[in-house]
């Protein structure tokens, strides 16, 4: 059982404003990354879908029992929201499909083939980087929140340990201990999410910021 998540849900149900602020501040960016990968990186669509999903989640909090983490529960609601979105936009997708089929028309193919190739962005390399980035973000999404948060502060915001300690309201020693556990959890999550990470440096959290610490 996810007792901490159940307690948060109870606070939200009781109308705790601080809990609402914390809930949206913590869950929106994580759910946004989750949805963004499923809408072809369309940030506007992802933002709208996440807002709807979180609103729906709050309305259904009385149904949350703690069998899964609250984030996983919200992800399931987001999946339903995306299904509804796809149903609403079926006509637009059909029109887009017709446009894509025009690739086979001689004049269209001639135009496409005339586009210069970027020799520094080979398709395989670009695809691999995108896949690795998706796995890294997914790993962060599914880590316990305190682990994901401390890794983001350290490697994405590039904060020193002392600044992280002040931000989290704990000691520097506590931050160092938390970082050590978070790194191990991150590596385990990445290993579970993609075998392709085994031969790359993306298994190391410090590569999130593009360098070592």
N, C-alpha and C. Protein backbone atom coordinates (compact mmCIF):
# COMPACT_ATOMS: atom_id res chain seq x y z
N UNK A 1 0.85 -1.20 0.00
CA UNK A 1 0.00 0.00 0.00
C UNK A 1 0.88 1.25 0.00
N UNK A 2 0.43 2.28 -0.65
CA UNK A 2 1.18 3.53 -0.75
C UNK A 2 0.57 4.52 0.25
N UNK A 3 1.02 4.37 1.51
CA UNK A 3 0.39 5.12 2.59
C UNK A 3 0.61 6.63 2.43
N UNK A 4 1.82 7.04 2.02
CA UNK A 4 2.10 8.46 1.85
C UNK A 4 1.18 9.08 0.80
N UNK A 5 0.97 8.35 -0.29
CA UNK A 5 0.08 8.84 -1.35
C UNK A 5 -1.36 8.89 -0.86
N UNK A 6 -1.76 7.90 -0.06
CA UNK A 6 -3.12 7.90 0.48
C UNK A 6 -3.34 9.11 1.39
N UNK A 7 -2.33 9.44 2.17
CA UNK A 7 -2.44 10.60 3.05
C UNK A 7 -2.57 11.89 2.24
N UNK A 8 -1.79 11.99 1.14
CA UNK A 8 -1.90 13.16 0.27
C UNK A 8 -3.30 13.24 -0.32
N UNK A 9 -3.83 12.11 -0.77
CA UNK A 9 -5.18 12.09 -1.34
C UNK A 9 -6.21 12.55 -0.31
N UNK A 10 -6.04 12.12 0.93
CA UNK A 10 -6.98 12.53 1.98
C UNK A 10 -6.91 14.03 2.23
N UNK A 11 -5.70 14.57 2.22
CA UNK A 11 -5.55 16.02 2.40
C UNK A 11 -6.23 16.79 1.27
N UNK A 12 -6.10 16.27 0.05
CA UNK A 12 -6.74 16.91 -1.09
C UNK A 12 -8.26 16.85 -0.96
N UNK A 13 -8.76 15.71 -0.52
CA UNK A 13 -10.20 15.55 -0.36
C UNK A 13 -10.76 16.48 0.72
N UNK A 14 -9.91 16.81 1.70
CA UNK A 14 -10.33 17.72 2.77
C UNK A 14 -10.19 19.19 2.38
N UNK A 15 -9.70 19.44 1.15
CA UNK A 15 -9.60 20.82 0.67
C UNK A 15 -8.36 21.55 1.14
N UNK A 16 -7.32 20.83 1.49
CA UNK A 16 -6.07 21.44 1.96
C UNK A 16 -5.40 22.18 0.79
N UNK A 17 -5.37 23.52 0.85
CA UNK A 17 -4.83 24.32 -0.26
C UNK A 17 -3.35 24.07 -0.47
N UNK A 18 -2.60 23.91 0.62
CA UNK A 18 -1.17 23.64 0.48
C UNK A 18 -0.95 22.30 -0.23
N UNK A 19 -1.78 21.33 0.08
CA UNK A 19 -1.67 20.02 -0.57
C UNK A 19 -1.98 20.15 -2.06
N UNK A 20 -2.98 20.96 -2.41
CA UNK A 20 -3.31 21.17 -3.82
C UNK A 20 -2.13 21.80 -4.56
N UNK A 21 -1.53 22.81 -3.95
CA UNK A 21 -0.38 23.46 -4.61
C UNK A 21 0.76 22.48 -4.79
N UNK A 22 1.03 21.70 -3.76
CA UNK A 22 2.12 20.72 -3.86
C UNK A 22 1.80 19.64 -4.90
N UNK A 23 0.55 19.21 -4.91
CA UNK A 23 0.13 18.17 -5.85
C UNK A 23 0.35 18.60 -7.30
N UNK A 24 -0.15 19.79 -7.64
CA UNK A 24 -0.02 20.24 -9.03
C UNK A 24 1.43 20.59 -9.37
N UNK A 25 2.17 21.15 -8.42
CA UNK A 25 3.57 21.49 -8.69
C UNK A 25 4.41 20.24 -8.91
N UNK A 26 4.12 19.18 -8.17
CA UNK A 26 4.90 17.95 -8.29
C UNK A 26 4.46 17.08 -9.45
N UNK A 27 3.16 16.95 -9.64
CA UNK A 27 2.64 15.98 -10.59
C UNK A 27 2.54 16.53 -12.01
N UNK A 28 2.32 17.82 -12.17
CA UNK A 28 2.14 18.35 -13.53
C UNK A 28 3.36 18.09 -14.41
N UNK A 29 4.58 18.46 -13.98
CA UNK A 29 5.73 18.23 -14.88
C UNK A 29 5.99 16.76 -15.16
N UNK A 30 5.78 15.90 -14.18
CA UNK A 30 6.01 14.47 -14.39
C UNK A 30 4.97 13.89 -15.35
N UNK A 31 3.71 14.26 -15.16
CA UNK A 31 2.66 13.77 -16.04
C UNK A 31 2.79 14.39 -17.43
N UNK A 32 3.29 15.62 -17.49
CA UNK A 32 3.50 16.28 -18.78
C UNK A 32 4.50 15.48 -19.61
N UNK A 33 5.61 15.05 -18.99
CA UNK A 33 6.58 14.24 -19.72
C UNK A 33 5.98 12.92 -20.16
N UNK A 34 5.18 12.33 -19.28
CA UNK A 34 4.51 11.06 -19.61
C UNK A 34 3.62 11.22 -20.84
N UNK A 35 2.83 12.28 -20.89
CA UNK A 35 1.89 12.50 -21.98
C UNK A 35 2.61 12.96 -23.24
N UNK A 36 3.64 13.79 -23.10
CA UNK A 36 4.31 14.37 -24.25
C UNK A 36 4.84 13.30 -25.19
N UNK A 37 5.34 12.20 -24.63
CA UNK A 37 5.87 11.12 -25.46
C UNK A 37 4.77 10.42 -26.24
N UNK A 38 3.53 10.63 -25.84
CA UNK A 38 2.40 9.93 -26.47
C UNK A 38 1.60 10.82 -27.41
N UNK A 39 2.03 12.07 -27.58
CA UNK A 39 1.33 12.99 -28.50
C UNK A 39 2.32 13.60 -29.48
N UNK A 40 3.34 12.81 -29.84
CA UNK A 40 4.32 13.26 -30.83
C UNK A 40 4.97 14.59 -30.45
N UNK A 41 5.26 14.74 -29.16
CA UNK A 41 5.97 15.92 -28.65
C UNK A 41 5.21 17.23 -28.86
N UNK A 42 3.90 17.16 -29.02
CA UNK A 42 3.09 18.36 -29.18
C UNK A 42 2.82 18.94 -27.79
N UNK A 43 3.55 19.99 -27.44
CA UNK A 43 3.48 20.52 -26.08
C UNK A 43 2.12 21.11 -25.74
N UNK A 44 1.49 21.76 -26.68
CA UNK A 44 0.17 22.36 -26.42
C UNK A 44 -0.87 21.28 -26.14
N UNK A 45 -0.86 20.24 -26.96
CA UNK A 45 -1.80 19.14 -26.74
C UNK A 45 -1.50 18.46 -25.41
N UNK A 46 -0.22 18.25 -25.13
CA UNK A 46 0.17 17.60 -23.87
C UNK A 46 -0.28 18.42 -22.67
N UNK A 47 -0.10 19.73 -22.75
CA UNK A 47 -0.47 20.61 -21.63
C UNK A 47 -1.98 20.54 -21.37
N UNK A 48 -2.75 20.59 -22.44
CA UNK A 48 -4.21 20.51 -22.28
C UNK A 48 -4.63 19.16 -21.71
N UNK A 49 -4.01 18.09 -22.21
CA UNK A 49 -4.36 16.75 -21.76
C UNK A 49 -4.02 16.56 -20.29
N UNK A 50 -2.87 17.09 -19.87
CA UNK A 50 -2.46 16.95 -18.47
C UNK A 50 -3.38 17.74 -17.55
N UNK A 51 -3.75 18.94 -17.95
CA UNK A 51 -4.67 19.74 -17.14
C UNK A 51 -6.00 19.01 -16.97
N UNK A 52 -6.49 18.44 -18.06
CA UNK A 52 -7.76 17.70 -17.98
C UNK A 52 -7.61 16.46 -17.11
N UNK A 53 -6.48 15.76 -17.26
CA UNK A 53 -6.26 14.54 -16.50
C UNK A 53 -6.16 14.83 -15.00
N UNK A 54 -5.44 15.87 -14.64
CA UNK A 54 -5.30 16.20 -13.22
C UNK A 54 -6.63 16.68 -12.63
N UNK A 55 -7.38 17.42 -13.42
CA UNK A 55 -8.70 17.85 -12.95
C UNK A 55 -9.60 16.64 -12.73
N UNK A 56 -9.54 15.70 -13.68
CA UNK A 56 -10.33 14.49 -13.54
C UNK A 56 -9.85 13.65 -12.36
N UNK A 57 -8.54 13.62 -12.15
CA UNK A 57 -7.99 12.85 -11.03
C UNK A 57 -8.48 13.41 -9.69
N UNK A 58 -8.46 14.73 -9.56
CA UNK A 58 -8.93 15.34 -8.32
C UNK A 58 -10.40 15.01 -8.09
N UNK A 59 -11.19 15.04 -9.16
CA UNK A 59 -12.62 14.74 -9.03
C UNK A 59 -12.87 13.29 -8.64
N UNK A 60 -11.91 12.40 -8.94
CA UNK A 60 -12.09 10.99 -8.66
C UNK A 60 -11.26 10.50 -7.47
N UNK A 61 -10.67 11.41 -6.73
CA UNK A 61 -9.78 11.00 -5.65
C UNK A 61 -10.45 10.09 -4.62
N UNK A 62 -11.75 10.23 -4.47
CA UNK A 62 -12.46 9.38 -3.51
C UNK A 62 -12.39 7.90 -3.92
N UNK A 63 -12.01 7.65 -5.19
CA UNK A 63 -11.91 6.26 -5.66
C UNK A 63 -10.50 5.69 -5.46
N UNK A 64 -9.55 6.54 -5.09
CA UNK A 64 -8.16 6.08 -4.95
C UNK A 64 -8.02 5.29 -3.65
N UNK A 65 -7.49 4.08 -3.76
CA UNK A 65 -7.37 3.20 -2.59
C UNK A 65 -5.93 2.93 -2.18
N UNK A 66 -4.98 3.38 -2.98
CA UNK A 66 -3.58 3.20 -2.63
C UNK A 66 -2.96 1.90 -3.08
N UNK A 67 -3.66 1.10 -3.91
CA UNK A 67 -3.08 -0.14 -4.39
C UNK A 67 -1.86 0.13 -5.28
N UNK A 68 -1.95 1.19 -6.07
CA UNK A 68 -0.82 1.64 -6.89
C UNK A 68 -0.41 3.02 -6.40
N UNK A 69 0.75 3.49 -6.87
CA UNK A 69 1.16 4.84 -6.49
C UNK A 69 0.19 5.85 -7.08
N UNK A 70 0.10 7.00 -6.47
CA UNK A 70 -0.80 8.03 -6.95
C UNK A 70 -0.40 8.48 -8.36
N UNK A 71 0.91 8.51 -8.63
CA UNK A 71 1.35 8.90 -9.97
C UNK A 71 0.90 7.88 -11.00
N UNK A 72 1.06 6.59 -10.71
CA UNK A 72 0.61 5.55 -11.64
C UNK A 72 -0.89 5.65 -11.87
N UNK A 73 -1.62 5.93 -10.81
CA UNK A 73 -3.08 6.09 -10.91
C UNK A 73 -3.41 7.28 -11.82
N UNK A 74 -2.67 8.37 -11.68
CA UNK A 74 -2.89 9.55 -12.54
C UNK A 74 -2.51 9.24 -13.98
N UNK A 75 -1.48 8.43 -14.18
CA UNK A 75 -1.10 8.04 -15.54
C UNK A 75 -2.22 7.28 -16.23
N UNK A 76 -2.89 6.43 -15.48
CA UNK A 76 -4.01 5.68 -16.06
C UNK A 76 -5.13 6.63 -16.48
N UNK A 77 -5.40 7.62 -15.66
CA UNK A 77 -6.41 8.62 -16.02
C UNK A 77 -5.96 9.39 -17.26
N UNK A 78 -4.66 9.71 -17.32
CA UNK A 78 -4.14 10.41 -18.50
C UNK A 78 -4.30 9.57 -19.76
N UNK A 79 -4.12 8.26 -19.63
CA UNK A 79 -4.32 7.38 -20.79
C UNK A 79 -5.77 7.46 -21.28
N UNK A 80 -6.72 7.47 -20.35
CA UNK A 80 -8.12 7.60 -20.74
C UNK A 80 -8.37 8.96 -21.40
N UNK A 81 -7.73 9.99 -20.87
CA UNK A 81 -7.88 11.33 -21.44
C UNK A 81 -7.35 11.36 -22.87
N UNK A 82 -6.22 10.70 -23.10
CA UNK A 82 -5.65 10.64 -24.45
C UNK A 82 -6.55 9.84 -25.39
N UNK A 83 -7.15 8.78 -24.87
CA UNK A 83 -8.08 7.99 -25.70
C UNK A 83 -9.26 8.85 -26.12
N UNK A 84 -9.77 9.64 -25.18
CA UNK A 84 -10.88 10.54 -25.51
C UNK A 84 -10.43 11.57 -26.54
N UNK A 85 -9.21 12.08 -26.37
CA UNK A 85 -8.68 13.07 -27.30
C UNK A 85 -8.57 12.49 -28.70
N UNK A 86 -8.05 11.26 -28.79
CA UNK A 86 -7.91 10.62 -30.10
C UNK A 86 -9.27 10.40 -30.75
N UNK A 87 -10.25 10.06 -29.93
CA UNK A 87 -11.60 9.85 -30.48
C UNK A 87 -12.16 11.16 -31.02
N UNK A 88 -11.90 12.26 -30.28
CA UNK A 88 -12.43 13.57 -30.71
C UNK A 88 -11.75 14.07 -31.98
N UNK A 89 -10.52 13.63 -32.20
CA UNK A 89 -9.76 14.16 -33.34
C UNK A 89 -9.62 13.12 -34.47
N UNK A 90 -10.48 12.11 -34.47
CA UNK A 90 -10.37 11.06 -35.49
C UNK A 90 -10.46 11.64 -36.90
N UNK A 91 -11.36 12.60 -37.08
CA UNK A 91 -11.54 13.19 -38.42
C UNK A 91 -10.28 13.91 -38.87
N UNK A 92 -9.66 14.65 -37.94
CA UNK A 92 -8.44 15.36 -38.28
C UNK A 92 -7.31 14.38 -38.62
N UNK A 93 -7.24 13.28 -37.87
CA UNK A 93 -6.20 12.30 -38.14
C UNK A 93 -6.41 11.65 -39.51
N UNK A 94 -7.66 11.44 -39.88
CA UNK A 94 -7.94 10.85 -41.19
C UNK A 94 -7.48 11.79 -42.30
N UNK A 95 -7.72 13.08 -42.10
CA UNK A 95 -7.28 14.06 -43.09
C UNK A 95 -5.77 14.09 -43.18
N UNK A 96 -5.11 13.99 -42.02
CA UNK A 96 -3.66 13.97 -42.01
C UNK A 96 -3.13 12.73 -42.72
N UNK A 97 -3.81 11.59 -42.51
CA UNK A 97 -3.40 10.36 -43.18
C UNK A 97 -3.45 10.50 -44.69
N UNK A 98 -4.48 11.17 -45.18
CA UNK A 98 -4.59 11.39 -46.62
C UNK A 98 -3.44 12.24 -47.14
N UNK A 99 -3.05 13.21 -46.33
CA UNK A 99 -1.94 14.08 -46.72
C UNK A 99 -0.64 13.29 -46.77
N UNK A 100 -0.43 12.44 -45.76
CA UNK A 100 0.80 11.64 -45.72
C UNK A 100 0.89 10.73 -46.93
N UNK A 101 -0.25 10.20 -47.37
CA UNK A 101 -0.25 9.29 -48.52
C UNK A 101 0.21 9.99 -49.79
N UNK A 102 0.19 11.31 -49.80
CA UNK A 102 0.62 12.04 -50.99
C UNK A 102 2.12 11.89 -51.23
N UNK A 103 2.86 11.30 -50.27
CA UNK A 103 4.29 11.08 -50.47
C UNK A 103 4.56 10.32 -51.77
N UNK A 104 3.62 9.46 -52.15
CA UNK A 104 3.85 8.62 -53.32
C UNK A 104 3.64 9.36 -54.64
N UNK A 105 3.09 10.57 -54.58
CA UNK A 105 2.89 11.32 -55.81
C UNK A 105 4.25 11.81 -56.31
N UNK A 106 4.55 11.66 -57.62
CA UNK A 106 5.87 11.97 -58.17
C UNK A 106 6.37 13.37 -57.82
N UNK A 107 5.52 14.38 -57.94
CA UNK A 107 5.99 15.74 -57.69
C UNK A 107 6.31 15.96 -56.20
N UNK A 108 5.54 15.28 -55.33
CA UNK A 108 5.80 15.42 -53.90
C UNK A 108 7.11 14.72 -53.54
N UNK A 109 7.32 13.52 -54.06
CA UNK A 109 8.55 12.79 -53.77
C UNK A 109 9.75 13.55 -54.29
N UNK A 110 9.62 14.20 -55.43
CA UNK A 110 10.73 14.97 -55.98
C UNK A 110 11.10 16.11 -55.03
N UNK A 111 10.09 16.75 -54.45
CA UNK A 111 10.36 17.84 -53.52
C UNK A 111 11.02 17.32 -52.24
N UNK A 112 10.52 16.18 -51.75
CA UNK A 112 11.08 15.62 -50.53
C UNK A 112 12.54 15.20 -50.73
N UNK A 113 12.81 14.57 -51.87
CA UNK A 113 14.16 14.08 -52.12
C UNK A 113 15.14 15.21 -52.37
N UNK A 114 14.64 16.40 -52.66
CA UNK A 114 15.53 17.53 -52.90
C UNK A 114 15.97 18.21 -51.61
N UNK A 115 15.37 17.81 -50.46
CA UNK A 115 15.75 18.41 -49.18
C UNK A 115 17.15 17.98 -48.83
N UNK A 116 18.06 18.91 -48.51
CA UNK A 116 19.45 18.53 -48.19
C UNK A 116 19.52 17.71 -46.91
N UNK A 117 20.47 16.78 -46.89
CA UNK A 117 20.66 15.92 -45.74
C UNK A 117 21.67 16.54 -44.78
N UNK A 118 21.35 16.53 -43.50
CA UNK A 118 22.27 17.02 -42.48
C UNK A 118 23.21 15.88 -42.12
N UNK A 119 24.46 15.98 -42.56
CA UNK A 119 25.39 14.88 -42.35
C UNK A 119 25.71 14.67 -40.88
N UNK A 120 25.47 15.68 -40.04
CA UNK A 120 25.78 15.56 -38.62
C UNK A 120 24.62 14.98 -37.83
N UNK A 121 23.51 14.73 -38.50
CA UNK A 121 22.33 14.19 -37.81
C UNK A 121 21.85 12.94 -38.52
N UNK A 122 22.68 11.89 -38.51
CA UNK A 122 22.30 10.64 -39.15
C UNK A 122 21.04 10.09 -38.47
N UNK A 123 20.10 9.55 -39.25
CA UNK A 123 18.83 9.08 -38.68
C UNK A 123 18.99 8.10 -37.53
N UNK A 124 19.93 7.14 -37.66
CA UNK A 124 20.10 6.15 -36.60
C UNK A 124 20.58 6.80 -35.31
N UNK A 125 21.51 7.75 -35.45
CA UNK A 125 22.04 8.41 -34.26
C UNK A 125 20.96 9.26 -33.59
N UNK A 126 20.19 9.98 -34.41
CA UNK A 126 19.11 10.81 -33.87
C UNK A 126 18.08 9.94 -33.18
N UNK A 127 17.71 8.83 -33.83
CA UNK A 127 16.71 7.94 -33.24
C UNK A 127 17.21 7.37 -31.92
N UNK A 128 18.49 6.98 -31.87
CA UNK A 128 19.03 6.41 -30.64
C UNK A 128 19.02 7.43 -29.51
N UNK A 129 19.41 8.69 -29.83
CA UNK A 129 19.39 9.73 -28.79
C UNK A 129 17.99 9.97 -28.29
N UNK A 130 17.01 9.98 -29.21
CA UNK A 130 15.62 10.19 -28.80
C UNK A 130 15.12 9.06 -27.92
N UNK A 131 15.49 7.82 -28.28
CA UNK A 131 15.06 6.66 -27.49
C UNK A 131 15.68 6.70 -26.09
N UNK A 132 16.97 7.05 -26.04
CA UNK A 132 17.63 7.12 -24.75
C UNK A 132 17.05 8.22 -23.88
N UNK A 133 16.77 9.37 -24.50
CA UNK A 133 16.18 10.48 -23.75
C UNK A 133 14.81 10.08 -23.21
N UNK A 134 14.03 9.34 -24.02
CA UNK A 134 12.71 8.91 -23.56
C UNK A 134 12.82 7.97 -22.38
N UNK A 135 13.82 7.08 -22.41
CA UNK A 135 14.01 6.14 -21.31
C UNK A 135 14.43 6.87 -20.04
N UNK A 136 15.32 7.85 -20.19
CA UNK A 136 15.76 8.63 -19.03
C UNK A 136 14.58 9.35 -18.39
N UNK A 137 13.76 10.01 -19.20
CA UNK A 137 12.61 10.73 -18.66
C UNK A 137 11.61 9.78 -18.02
N UNK A 138 11.42 8.61 -18.65
CA UNK A 138 10.50 7.64 -18.07
C UNK A 138 11.02 7.15 -16.72
N UNK A 139 12.33 6.94 -16.63
CA UNK A 139 12.91 6.51 -15.36
C UNK A 139 12.68 7.55 -14.28
N UNK A 140 12.89 8.81 -14.62
CA UNK A 140 12.64 9.89 -13.65
C UNK A 140 11.18 9.93 -13.23
N UNK A 141 10.29 9.73 -14.19
CA UNK A 141 8.86 9.78 -13.89
C UNK A 141 8.46 8.73 -12.86
N UNK A 142 9.05 7.53 -12.98
CA UNK A 142 8.60 6.42 -12.14
C UNK A 142 9.42 6.24 -10.87
N UNK A 143 10.47 7.03 -10.71
CA UNK A 143 11.19 6.99 -9.44
C UNK A 143 10.31 7.58 -8.34
N UNK A 144 10.54 7.15 -7.08
CA UNK A 144 9.87 7.86 -5.98
C UNK A 144 10.14 9.35 -6.10
N UNK A 145 9.16 10.16 -5.76
CA UNK A 145 9.26 11.59 -6.02
C UNK A 145 10.51 12.20 -5.41
N UNK A 146 10.86 11.81 -4.18
CA UNK A 146 12.01 12.44 -3.54
C UNK A 146 13.30 12.13 -4.28
N UNK A 147 13.37 10.93 -4.91
CA UNK A 147 14.55 10.59 -5.70
C UNK A 147 14.61 11.41 -6.98
N UNK A 148 13.49 11.47 -7.70
CA UNK A 148 13.46 12.23 -8.95
C UNK A 148 13.76 13.69 -8.69
N UNK A 149 13.21 14.22 -7.60
CA UNK A 149 13.39 15.64 -7.29
C UNK A 149 14.85 15.96 -7.01
N UNK A 150 15.52 15.13 -6.19
CA UNK A 150 16.90 15.44 -5.84
C UNK A 150 17.82 15.29 -7.06
N UNK A 151 17.53 14.34 -7.95
CA UNK A 151 18.32 14.19 -9.18
C UNK A 151 18.12 15.38 -10.11
N UNK A 152 16.89 15.86 -10.22
CA UNK A 152 16.61 17.02 -11.07
C UNK A 152 17.33 18.26 -10.54
N UNK A 153 17.29 18.45 -9.22
CA UNK A 153 17.96 19.61 -8.62
C UNK A 153 19.46 19.55 -8.84
N UNK A 154 20.02 18.34 -8.71
CA UNK A 154 21.47 18.19 -8.84
C UNK A 154 21.95 18.26 -10.28
N UNK A 155 21.28 17.51 -11.17
CA UNK A 155 21.82 17.34 -12.51
C UNK A 155 21.13 18.15 -13.60
N UNK A 156 19.90 18.59 -13.35
CA UNK A 156 19.23 19.44 -14.34
C UNK A 156 19.33 20.91 -13.97
N UNK A 157 19.12 21.23 -12.69
CA UNK A 157 19.25 22.61 -12.25
C UNK A 157 20.68 22.95 -11.85
N UNK A 158 21.52 21.93 -11.76
CA UNK A 158 22.95 22.13 -11.51
C UNK A 158 23.21 22.81 -10.16
N UNK A 159 22.45 22.45 -9.14
CA UNK A 159 22.61 23.06 -7.83
C UNK A 159 23.63 22.29 -7.00
N UNK A 160 24.43 22.99 -6.19
CA UNK A 160 25.33 22.30 -5.26
C UNK A 160 24.53 21.65 -4.14
N UNK A 161 25.20 20.75 -3.42
CA UNK A 161 24.53 20.01 -2.36
C UNK A 161 23.93 20.95 -1.31
N UNK A 162 24.68 22.00 -0.96
CA UNK A 162 24.20 22.93 0.07
C UNK A 162 22.91 23.62 -0.36
N UNK A 163 22.83 24.01 -1.63
CA UNK A 163 21.62 24.67 -2.13
C UNK A 163 20.45 23.70 -2.17
N UNK A 164 20.73 22.44 -2.51
CA UNK A 164 19.67 21.43 -2.52
C UNK A 164 19.15 21.22 -1.10
N UNK A 165 20.07 21.17 -0.14
CA UNK A 165 19.68 20.98 1.25
C UNK A 165 18.76 22.10 1.71
N UNK A 166 19.11 23.33 1.32
CA UNK A 166 18.26 24.47 1.69
C UNK A 166 16.90 24.39 1.01
N UNK A 167 16.89 23.98 -0.26
CA UNK A 167 15.64 23.88 -1.00
C UNK A 167 14.71 22.81 -0.40
N UNK A 168 15.32 21.70 0.04
CA UNK A 168 14.52 20.60 0.56
C UNK A 168 14.29 20.67 2.07
N UNK A 169 15.01 21.58 2.72
CA UNK A 169 14.83 21.73 4.16
C UNK A 169 15.46 20.61 4.96
N UNK A 170 16.58 20.08 4.45
CA UNK A 170 17.29 19.01 5.16
C UNK A 170 18.77 19.37 5.24
N UNK A 171 19.56 18.50 5.87
CA UNK A 171 20.99 18.75 5.98
C UNK A 171 21.72 18.33 4.71
N UNK A 172 22.93 18.85 4.53
CA UNK A 172 23.75 18.48 3.38
C UNK A 172 24.07 16.99 3.40
N UNK A 173 24.31 16.44 4.60
CA UNK A 173 24.59 15.01 4.72
C UNK A 173 23.39 14.19 4.26
N UNK A 174 22.19 14.65 4.63
CA UNK A 174 20.97 13.96 4.20
C UNK A 174 20.83 13.99 2.69
N UNK A 175 21.19 15.11 2.07
CA UNK A 175 21.12 15.22 0.61
C UNK A 175 22.09 14.26 -0.04
N UNK A 176 23.32 14.16 0.48
CA UNK A 176 24.31 13.25 -0.09
C UNK A 176 23.83 11.79 0.00
N UNK A 177 23.23 11.45 1.12
CA UNK A 177 22.69 10.10 1.28
C UNK A 177 21.54 9.85 0.31
N UNK A 178 20.67 10.85 0.17
CA UNK A 178 19.53 10.73 -0.73
C UNK A 178 20.00 10.60 -2.18
N UNK A 179 21.02 11.38 -2.55
CA UNK A 179 21.56 11.31 -3.90
C UNK A 179 22.13 9.92 -4.20
N UNK A 180 22.82 9.34 -3.22
CA UNK A 180 23.40 8.01 -3.42
C UNK A 180 22.31 6.98 -3.68
N UNK A 181 21.23 7.03 -2.89
CA UNK A 181 20.13 6.08 -3.09
C UNK A 181 19.40 6.36 -4.40
N UNK A 182 19.26 7.64 -4.73
CA UNK A 182 18.55 8.01 -5.96
C UNK A 182 19.31 7.54 -7.19
N UNK A 183 20.64 7.65 -7.16
CA UNK A 183 21.44 7.20 -8.31
C UNK A 183 21.27 5.70 -8.53
N UNK A 184 21.29 4.94 -7.44
CA UNK A 184 21.11 3.49 -7.56
C UNK A 184 19.72 3.16 -8.12
N UNK A 185 18.70 3.84 -7.61
CA UNK A 185 17.34 3.61 -8.09
C UNK A 185 17.21 3.99 -9.56
N UNK A 186 17.88 5.09 -9.96
CA UNK A 186 17.84 5.54 -11.34
C UNK A 186 18.45 4.50 -12.27
N UNK A 187 19.61 3.95 -11.87
CA UNK A 187 20.25 2.93 -12.70
C UNK A 187 19.37 1.69 -12.82
N UNK A 188 18.76 1.30 -11.72
CA UNK A 188 17.87 0.13 -11.77
C UNK A 188 16.68 0.38 -12.68
N UNK A 189 16.10 1.59 -12.60
CA UNK A 189 14.95 1.93 -13.43
C UNK A 189 15.32 1.92 -14.90
N UNK A 190 16.48 2.49 -15.22
CA UNK A 190 16.93 2.53 -16.62
C UNK A 190 17.17 1.12 -17.15
N UNK A 191 17.77 0.26 -16.32
CA UNK A 191 18.02 -1.11 -16.74
C UNK A 191 16.71 -1.83 -17.03
N UNK A 192 15.72 -1.56 -16.22
CA UNK A 192 14.42 -2.21 -16.41
C UNK A 192 13.71 -1.67 -17.65
N UNK A 193 13.95 -0.42 -17.97
CA UNK A 193 13.22 0.22 -19.09
C UNK A 193 13.87 -0.01 -20.45
N UNK A 194 15.17 -0.21 -20.49
CA UNK A 194 15.76 -0.38 -21.82
C UNK A 194 17.13 -1.00 -21.79
N UNK A 195 17.30 -2.14 -22.45
CA UNK A 195 18.59 -2.81 -22.50
C UNK A 195 19.62 -1.97 -23.25
N UNK A 196 19.16 -1.06 -24.10
CA UNK A 196 20.09 -0.26 -24.90
C UNK A 196 20.97 0.62 -24.04
N UNK A 197 20.55 0.89 -22.81
CA UNK A 197 21.35 1.75 -21.94
C UNK A 197 22.61 1.04 -21.45
N UNK A 198 22.66 -0.28 -21.54
CA UNK A 198 23.76 -1.02 -20.94
C UNK A 198 25.11 -0.67 -21.57
N UNK A 199 25.11 -0.25 -22.83
CA UNK A 199 26.36 0.04 -23.50
C UNK A 199 26.59 1.53 -23.67
N UNK A 200 25.87 2.37 -22.91
CA UNK A 200 26.01 3.81 -23.04
C UNK A 200 26.25 4.45 -21.69
N UNK A 201 26.62 5.72 -21.71
CA UNK A 201 26.83 6.48 -20.47
C UNK A 201 25.54 7.01 -19.91
N UNK A 202 24.40 6.76 -20.58
CA UNK A 202 23.13 7.28 -20.09
C UNK A 202 22.70 6.58 -18.81
N UNK A 203 23.39 5.49 -18.41
CA UNK A 203 23.08 4.84 -17.15
C UNK A 203 23.50 5.72 -15.97
N UNK A 204 24.34 6.71 -16.22
CA UNK A 204 24.83 7.57 -15.14
C UNK A 204 23.99 8.83 -15.05
N UNK A 205 23.47 9.16 -13.86
CA UNK A 205 22.64 10.35 -13.70
C UNK A 205 23.35 11.62 -14.09
N UNK A 206 24.71 11.68 -13.91
CA UNK A 206 25.38 12.94 -14.18
C UNK A 206 25.35 13.33 -15.64
N UNK A 207 25.05 12.38 -16.56
CA UNK A 207 24.96 12.73 -17.96
C UNK A 207 23.70 13.50 -18.28
N UNK A 208 22.75 13.60 -17.34
CA UNK A 208 21.55 14.38 -17.57
C UNK A 208 21.90 15.83 -17.85
N UNK A 209 22.98 16.30 -17.25
CA UNK A 209 23.36 17.70 -17.40
C UNK A 209 24.45 17.86 -18.44
N UNK A 210 24.80 16.76 -19.10
CA UNK A 210 25.76 16.86 -20.19
C UNK A 210 27.19 16.78 -19.75
N UNK A 211 27.48 16.38 -18.51
CA UNK A 211 28.85 16.28 -18.06
C UNK A 211 28.95 15.64 -16.72
N UNK A 212 30.17 15.48 -16.22
CA UNK A 212 30.37 14.84 -14.94
C UNK A 212 30.37 15.87 -13.84
N UNK A 213 30.17 15.37 -12.62
CA UNK A 213 30.20 16.24 -11.45
C UNK A 213 31.30 15.77 -10.52
